C-alpha atoms as a PDB file:
ATOM      1  CA  MET A   1      -7.473  -2.900  13.121  1.00  0.00           C
ATOM      2  CA  THR A   2      -4.119  -4.589  11.825  1.00  0.00           C
ATOM      3  CA  VAL A   3      -3.277  -3.706   8.248  1.00  0.00           C
ATOM      4  CA  THR A   4      -0.537  -4.714   6.067  1.00  0.00           C
ATOM      5  CA  LEU A   5      -0.573  -3.427   2.563  1.00  0.00           C
ATOM      6  CA  ARG A   6       1.471  -4.772  -0.542  1.00  0.00           C
ATOM      7  CA  ALA A   7       2.781  -3.064  -3.714  1.00  0.00           C
ATOM      8  CA  GLU A   8       4.092  -5.457  -6.139  1.00  0.00           C
ATOM      9  CA  ALA A   9       7.756  -5.266  -7.620  1.00  0.00           C
ATOM     10  CA  THR A  10       8.123  -3.773 -11.212  1.00  0.00           C
ATOM     11  CA  PRO A  11      10.950  -4.138 -13.164  1.00  0.00           C
ATOM     12  CA  SER A  12      13.233  -1.448 -12.164  1.00  0.00           C
ATOM     13  CA  ALA A  13      11.757  -1.488  -8.526  1.00  0.00           C
ATOM     14  CA  ALA A  14      11.158  -3.495  -5.564  1.00  0.00           C
ATOM     15  CA  ALA A  15       7.811  -4.641  -4.044  1.00  0.00           C
ATOM     16  CA  LEU A  16       6.811  -2.662  -1.341  1.00  0.00           C
ATOM     17  CA  LEU A  17       5.258  -3.450   2.538  1.00  0.00           C
ATOM     18  CA  LEU A  18       3.334  -0.998   3.994  1.00  0.00           C
ATOM     19  CA  ARG A  19       2.580  -1.498   7.641  1.00  0.00           C
ATOM     20  CA  PRO A  20       1.678   0.556  11.147  1.00  0.00           C
ATOM     21  CA  TRP A  21       4.931   2.009  12.793  1.00  0.00           C
ATOM     22  CA  ARG A  22       6.801  -0.232  15.119  1.00  0.00           C
ATOM     23  CA  GLU A  23       9.712   0.261  17.646  1.00  0.00           C
ATOM     24  CA  ASP A  24      12.423  -0.551  15.528  1.00  0.00           C
ATOM     25  CA  ASP A  25      11.476   2.369  12.766  1.00  0.00           C
ATOM     26  CA  VAL A  26      12.690   4.800  15.085  1.00  0.00           C
ATOM     27  CA  GLY A  27      16.548   5.152  14.303  1.00  0.00           C
ATOM     28  CA  PRO A  28      15.320   4.827  10.474  1.00  0.00           C
ATOM     29  CA  LEU A  29      12.881   7.938  10.906  1.00  0.00           C
ATOM     30  CA  VAL A  30      15.412   9.945  12.764  1.00  0.00           C
ATOM     31  CA  GLU A  31      17.577   9.017   9.262  1.00  0.00           C
ATOM     32  CA  ALA A  32      14.902   9.977   6.953  1.00  0.00           C
ATOM     33  CA  TYR A  33      14.502  13.960   8.594  1.00  0.00           C
ATOM     34  CA  ARG A  34      18.106  14.499   8.299  1.00  0.00           C
ATOM     35  CA  ASP A  35      17.210  14.831   4.253  1.00  0.00           C
ATOM     36  CA  PRO A  36      17.002  18.660   3.623  1.00  0.00           C
ATOM     37  CA  THR A  37      14.156  17.821   0.937  1.00  0.00           C
ATOM     38  CA  LEU A  38      11.789  16.274   3.189  1.00  0.00           C
ATOM     39  CA  ARG A  39      12.066  18.776   6.051  1.00  0.00           C
ATOM     40  CA  ARG A  40      11.367  21.484   3.421  1.00  0.00           C
ATOM     41  CA  TRP A  41       7.874  19.975   2.454  1.00  0.00           C
ATOM     42  CA  THR A  42       6.458  18.752   5.736  1.00  0.00           C
ATOM     43  CA  ARG A  43       5.684  21.139   9.042  1.00  0.00           C
ATOM     44  CA  LEU A  44       6.618  18.579  11.612  1.00  0.00           C
ATOM     45  CA  HIS A  45      10.255  17.559  12.095  1.00  0.00           C
ATOM     46  CA  VAL A  46      11.882  14.725  13.725  1.00  0.00           C
ATOM     47  CA  GLU A  47      15.131  16.160  15.445  1.00  0.00           C
ATOM     48  CA  SER A  48      16.046  12.994  17.848  1.00  0.00           C
ATOM     49  CA  SER A  49      15.375   9.615  18.685  1.00  0.00           C
ATOM     50  CA  GLU A  50      13.072  11.068  21.399  1.00  0.00           C
ATOM     51  CA  ASP A  51      11.357  13.185  18.796  1.00  0.00           C
ATOM     52  CA  ALA A  52      10.690   9.784  16.772  1.00  0.00           C
ATOM     53  CA  VAL A  53       9.267   8.006  19.800  1.00  0.00           C
ATOM     54  CA  ALA A  54       6.951  10.934  20.124  1.00  0.00           C
ATOM     55  CA  ARG A  55       5.841  10.471  16.530  1.00  0.00           C
ATOM     56  CA  LEU A  56       5.159   7.023  16.642  1.00  0.00           C
ATOM     57  CA  GLU A  57       2.960   7.340  19.514  1.00  0.00           C
ATOM     58  CA  LEU A  58       0.671   9.843  18.008  1.00  0.00           C
ATOM     59  CA  ARG A  59       0.649   7.087  14.973  1.00  0.00           C
ATOM     60  CA  ARG A  60      -0.599   4.598  17.416  1.00  0.00           C
ATOM     61  CA  ARG A  61      -2.778   6.731  18.811  1.00  0.00           C
ATOM     62  CA  GLY A  62      -4.307   7.643  15.297  1.00  0.00           C
ATOM     63  CA  TRP A  63      -5.090   3.892  14.487  1.00  0.00           C
ATOM     64  CA  GLU A  64      -6.928   3.904  18.653  1.00  0.00           C
ATOM     65  CA  THR A  65      -8.955   6.559  17.501  1.00  0.00           C
ATOM     66  CA  GLY A  66      -9.411   6.066  13.905  1.00  0.00           C
ATOM     67  CA  GLU A  67      -8.767   9.864  12.878  1.00  0.00           C
ATOM     68  CA  LEU A  68      -5.306   9.165  11.629  1.00  0.00           C
ATOM     69  CA  LEU A  69      -4.092   5.576   9.804  1.00  0.00           C
ATOM     70  CA  SER A  70      -0.465   5.820   9.282  1.00  0.00           C
ATOM     71  CA  LEU A  71       1.573   3.424   7.281  1.00  0.00           C
ATOM     72  CA  ALA A  72       5.519   2.854   6.991  1.00  0.00           C
ATOM     73  CA  VAL A  73       6.747   2.039   3.815  1.00  0.00           C
ATOM     74  CA  HIS A  74       9.350  -0.349   3.376  1.00  0.00           C
ATOM     75  CA  GLU A  75      10.853  -1.445   0.168  1.00  0.00           C
ATOM     76  CA  GLU A  76      12.723  -5.022   0.129  1.00  0.00           C
ATOM     77  CA  GLU A  77      16.339  -4.865  -0.991  1.00  0.00           C
ATOM     78  CA  SER A  78      17.239  -8.597  -1.535  1.00  0.00           C
ATOM     79  CA  GLY A  79      15.487 -11.895  -2.000  1.00  0.00           C
ATOM     80  CA  ALA A  80      16.296 -12.412   1.184  1.00  0.00           C
ATOM     81  CA  GLY A  81      13.434 -10.371   2.242  1.00  0.00           C
ATOM     82  CA  GLU A  82      15.671  -7.459   3.654  1.00  0.00           C
ATOM     83  CA  ARG A  83      13.503  -4.343   3.867  1.00  0.00           C
ATOM     84  CA  ARG A  84      14.833  -0.216   4.621  1.00  0.00           C
ATOM     85  CA  LEU A  85      12.354   2.007   5.336  1.00  0.00           C
ATOM     86  CA  ALA A  86      11.016   4.091   2.107  1.00  0.00           C
ATOM     87  CA  GLY A  87       8.176   6.345   3.336  1.00  0.00           C
ATOM     88  CA  GLU A  88       5.222   6.758   5.190  1.00  0.00           C
ATOM     89  CA  VAL A  89       1.362   7.113   4.123  1.00  0.00           C
ATOM     90  CA  VAL A  90      -1.089   8.486   5.723  1.00  0.00           C
ATOM     91  CA  LEU A  91      -5.161   8.517   5.745  1.00  0.00           C
ATOM     92  CA  LYS A  92      -7.006  11.434   8.018  1.00  0.00           C
ATOM     93  CA  ARG A  93     -10.401  10.427   8.898  1.00  0.00           C
ATOM     94  CA  THR A  94     -11.591  13.510  11.401  1.00  0.00           C
ATOM     95  CA  ASP A  95     -15.077  12.702  11.084  1.00  0.00           C
ATOM     96  CA  THR A  96     -15.885   8.910  10.249  1.00  0.00           C
ATOM     97  CA  GLY A  97     -19.224   9.858   8.817  1.00  0.00           C
ATOM     98  CA  ARG A  98     -17.567  12.492   6.564  1.00  0.00           C
ATOM     99  CA  GLU A  99     -17.788  11.636   2.531  1.00  0.00           C
ATOM    100  CA  SER A 100     -14.231  12.791   1.960  1.00  0.00           C
ATOM    101  CA  ALA A 101     -10.898  11.716   3.814  1.00  0.00           C
ATOM    102  CA  GLU A 102      -7.753  13.139   3.250  1.00  0.00           C
ATOM    103  CA  VAL A 103      -4.427  11.162   2.201  1.00  0.00           C
ATOM    104  CA  GLY A 104      -0.710  12.359   2.814  1.00  0.00           C
ATOM    105  CA  TYR A 105       2.782  11.072   1.866  1.00  0.00           C
ATOM    106  CA  TRP A 106       6.616  11.194   1.944  1.00  0.00           C
ATOM    107  CA  THR A 107       9.422   9.586   0.655  1.00  0.00           C
ATOM    108  CA  ALA A 108      12.682   9.097   1.985  1.00  0.00           C
ATOM    109  CA  ALA A 109      15.467  10.417  -0.210  1.00  0.00           C
ATOM    110  CA  HIS A 110      17.322   7.196  -1.085  1.00  0.00           C
ATOM    111  CA  ALA A 111      13.996   5.726  -2.383  1.00  0.00           C
ATOM    112  CA  ARG A 112      13.087   8.499  -4.671  1.00  0.00           C
ATOM    113  CA  GLY A 113      12.696   7.626  -8.431  1.00  0.00           C
ATOM    114  CA  ARG A 114      11.749   4.592  -8.153  1.00  0.00           C
ATOM    115  CA  GLY A 115       7.899   4.518  -8.219  1.00  0.00           C
ATOM    116  CA  VAL A 116       7.938   4.446  -4.263  1.00  0.00           C
ATOM    117  CA  ALA A 117       4.883   7.207  -3.569  1.00  0.00           C
ATOM    118  CA  PRO A 118       2.931   5.955  -6.625  1.00  0.00           C
ATOM    119  CA  ARG A 119       2.783   2.788  -5.856  1.00  0.00           C
ATOM    120  CA  ALA A 120       2.295   3.233  -1.799  1.00  0.00           C
ATOM    121  CA  LEU A 121      -0.557   5.791  -2.465  1.00  0.00           C
ATOM    122  CA  GLU A 122      -2.115   3.355  -4.827  1.00  0.00           C
ATOM    123  CA  ALA A 123      -2.141   0.622  -2.197  1.00  0.00           C
ATOM    124  CA  LEU A 124      -3.678   3.125   0.360  1.00  0.00           C
ATOM    125  CA  THR A 125      -6.311   4.196  -1.843  1.00  0.00           C
ATOM    126  CA  HIS A 126      -7.854   0.899  -2.994  1.00  0.00           C
ATOM    127  CA  TRP A 127      -7.800  -0.377   0.758  1.00  0.00           C
ATOM    128  CA  ALA A 128      -9.216   2.771   2.135  1.00  0.00           C
ATOM    129  CA  PHE A 129     -12.357   2.806  -0.620  1.00  0.00           C
ATOM    130  CA  ALA A 130     -12.502  -1.132   0.556  1.00  0.00           C
ATOM    131  CA  THR A 131     -12.807  -0.814   3.814  1.00  0.00           C
ATOM    132  CA  PHE A 132     -14.625   2.372   4.712  1.00  0.00           C
ATOM    133  CA  ALA A 133     -17.026   2.640   1.346  1.00  0.00           C
ATOM    134  CA  ALA A 134     -19.255   1.143   3.376  1.00  0.00           C
ATOM    135  CA  GLU A 135     -19.325   3.805   5.803  1.00  0.00           C
ATOM    136  CA  GLY A 136     -20.192   6.372   3.298  1.00  0.00           C
ATOM    137  CA  LEU A 137     -16.723   7.208   1.915  1.00  0.00           C
ATOM    138  CA  GLU A 138     -16.417   8.164  -1.822  1.00  0.00           C
ATOM    139  CA  ARG A 139     -13.575  10.376  -2.286  1.00  0.00           C
ATOM    140  CA  LEU A 140      -9.909  11.132  -0.953  1.00  0.00           C
ATOM    141  CA  GLU A 141      -8.013  14.580  -1.136  1.00  0.00           C
ATOM    142  CA  LEU A 142      -4.798  15.223  -1.237  1.00  0.00           C
ATOM    143  CA  MET A 143      -2.938  18.737  -1.229  1.00  0.00           C
ATOM    144  CA  HIS A 144       0.375  19.873  -1.438  1.00  0.00           C
ATOM    145  CA  GLN A 145       1.912  23.575  -2.005  1.00  0.00           C
ATOM    146  CA  VAL A 146       1.594  24.711  -5.420  1.00  0.00           C
ATOM    147  CA  ASP A 147       5.404  24.826  -5.948  1.00  0.00           C
ATOM    148  CA  ASN A 148       5.711  21.245  -5.078  1.00  0.00           C
ATOM    149  CA  VAL A 149       5.872  19.869  -8.652  1.00  0.00           C
ATOM    150  CA  ALA A 150       7.114  16.292  -7.799  1.00  0.00           C
ATOM    151  CA  SER A 151       4.120  15.696  -5.224  1.00  0.00           C
ATOM    152  CA  CYS A 152       1.790  16.998  -8.136  1.00  0.00           C
ATOM    153  CA  ARG A 153       3.561  14.152 -10.363  1.00  0.00           C
ATOM    154  CA  VAL A 154       2.755  11.230  -7.835  1.00  0.00           C
ATOM    155  CA  ALA A 155      -1.024  12.538  -7.616  1.00  0.00           C
ATOM    156  CA  GLU A 156      -1.546  11.993 -11.095  1.00  0.00           C
ATOM    157  CA  LYS A 157       0.256   8.766 -11.018  1.00  0.00           C
ATOM    158  CA  ALA A 158      -1.949   7.634  -8.481  1.00  0.00           C
ATOM    159  CA  GLY A 159      -5.306   8.846 -10.346  1.00  0.00           C
ATOM    160  CA  TYR A 160      -5.589  11.958  -8.053  1.00  0.00           C
ATOM    161  CA  ARG A 161      -6.735  14.440 -10.667  1.00  0.00           C
ATOM    162  CA  PHE A 162      -6.204  18.711 -10.120  1.00  0.00           C
ATOM    163  CA  GLN A 163      -9.373  19.801  -8.921  1.00  0.00           C
ATOM    164  CA  ASP A 164      -8.793  23.361  -7.486  1.00  0.00           C
ATOM    165  CA  ILE A 165      -6.798  26.009  -6.187  1.00  0.00           C
ATOM    166  CA  LEU A 166      -6.066  26.777  -2.479  1.00  0.00           C
ATOM    167  CA  PRO A 167      -5.235  29.866  -1.276  1.00  0.00           C
ATOM    168  CA  ALA A 168      -2.373  30.485   0.965  1.00  0.00           C
ATOM    169  CA  ARG A 169      -2.932  31.125   4.370  1.00  0.00           C
ATOM    170  CA  PRO A 170      -0.893  30.799   7.613  1.00  0.00           C
ATOM    171  CA  PRO A 171       1.631  29.090   8.325  1.00  0.00           C
ATOM    172  CA  PHE A 172       1.883  28.029   4.443  1.00  0.00           C
ATOM    173  CA  PRO A 173       3.616  30.818   2.355  1.00  0.00           C
ATOM    174  CA  ARG A 174       2.186  29.456  -1.278  1.00  0.00           C
ATOM    175  CA  ASP A 175      -1.187  28.688  -2.491  1.00  0.00           C
ATOM    176  CA  GLY A 176      -1.312  24.806  -2.814  1.00  0.00           C
ATOM    177  CA  HIS A 177      -2.823  22.727  -5.040  1.00  0.00           C
ATOM    178  CA  LEU A 178      -6.266  19.998  -4.134  1.00  0.00           C
ATOM    179  CA  HIS A 179      -6.381  16.648  -6.218  1.00  0.00           C
ATOM    180  CA  LEU A 180      -9.243  14.156  -5.856  1.00  0.00           C
ATOM    181  CA  ARG A 181      -9.654  10.774  -6.088  1.00  0.00           C
ATOM    182  CA  ARG A 182     -13.218   9.106  -6.425  1.00  0.00           C
ATOM    183  CA  ASP A 183     -14.075   5.469  -5.459  1.00  0.00           C
ATOM    184  CA  GLY A 184     -14.229   3.294  -8.496  1.00  0.00           C
ATOM    185  CA  ASP A 185     -12.147   5.063 -11.645  1.00  0.00           C
ATOM    186  CA  GLY A 186     -10.000   7.517  -9.712  1.00  0.00           C
ATOM    187  CA  SER A 187     -11.572  10.804 -11.613  1.00  0.00           C
ATOM    188  CA  SER A 188     -12.587  13.826 -10.190  1.00  0.00           C
ATOM    189  CA  LYS A 189     -15.548  16.486 -11.002  1.00  0.00           C
ATOM    190  CA  SER A 190     -15.670  19.780 -10.629  1.00  0.00           C
ATOM    191  CA  ALA A 191     -17.170  20.429  -7.205  1.00  0.00           C
ATOM    192  CA  GLY A 192     -17.786  24.003  -7.707  1.00  0.00           C
ATOM    193  CA  GLN A 193     -16.141  25.659  -4.994  1.00  0.00           C
ATOM    194  CA  LYS A 194     -12.620  26.476  -3.229  1.00  0.00           C
ATOM    195  CA  ARG A 195     -11.627  25.160  -0.030  1.00  0.00           C
ATOM    196  CA  VAL A 196      -8.671  25.691   2.139  1.00  0.00           C
ATOM    197  CA  GLY A 197      -6.707  22.709   3.687  1.00  0.00           C
ATOM    198  CA  GLU A 198      -3.270  21.964   5.038  1.00  0.00           C
ATOM    199  CA  TYR A 199      -1.041  20.780   2.305  1.00  0.00           C
ATOM    200  CA  GLY A 200       2.956  19.937   2.320  1.00  0.00           C
ATOM    201  CA  MET A 201       4.552  16.832   0.818  1.00  0.00           C
ATOM    202  CA  GLY A 202       1.616  15.306  -0.689  1.00  0.00           C
ATOM    203  CA  GLY A 203      -0.352  16.176   2.350  1.00  0.00           C
ATOM    204  CA  THR A 204       0.590  17.099   5.869  1.00  0.00           C
ATOM    205  CA  CYS A 205       2.026  13.688   7.533  1.00  0.00           C
END
């Protein structure tokens, strides 16, 4: 499956291109993970080019199995079409027959404050429902640590309503939030139950 998505520009922010990772993303990925904020909220760190290559190989295999569908998010910087790595969005489908899947994301330090994360997440969300609804996908879940206020804002901007508290468990020291978005309306109804998940910066990427 080859997927390329686009989020249109806003009056204050450039358009976004979402595409599978490539070899020339290795250097920008290493640079992005030098950011202490990103490292705080994600479990898997990229320390070197070797780490980046290994991460991208995992992403490639994820597309092959259909269980981890990851797209690099690039922000157009000029009219000439130059692009800079701005983050990542991920769709996790550990069981293709399930009614739910999980989304995750992170944003590079230089790209924060311009609506990159909610626009990229919205593009991924529409694509996921359009592509997998026929297989039974009805809702998407977004999980983050309770003190990650920025991820709460991103979730709400992208139509993911707060649903429940996730109790802390190792290796996560704090409780988490579960946000849901359902196909068709972006709203959620109470599921009446708690669940334990892995949560980081807008999900665990």
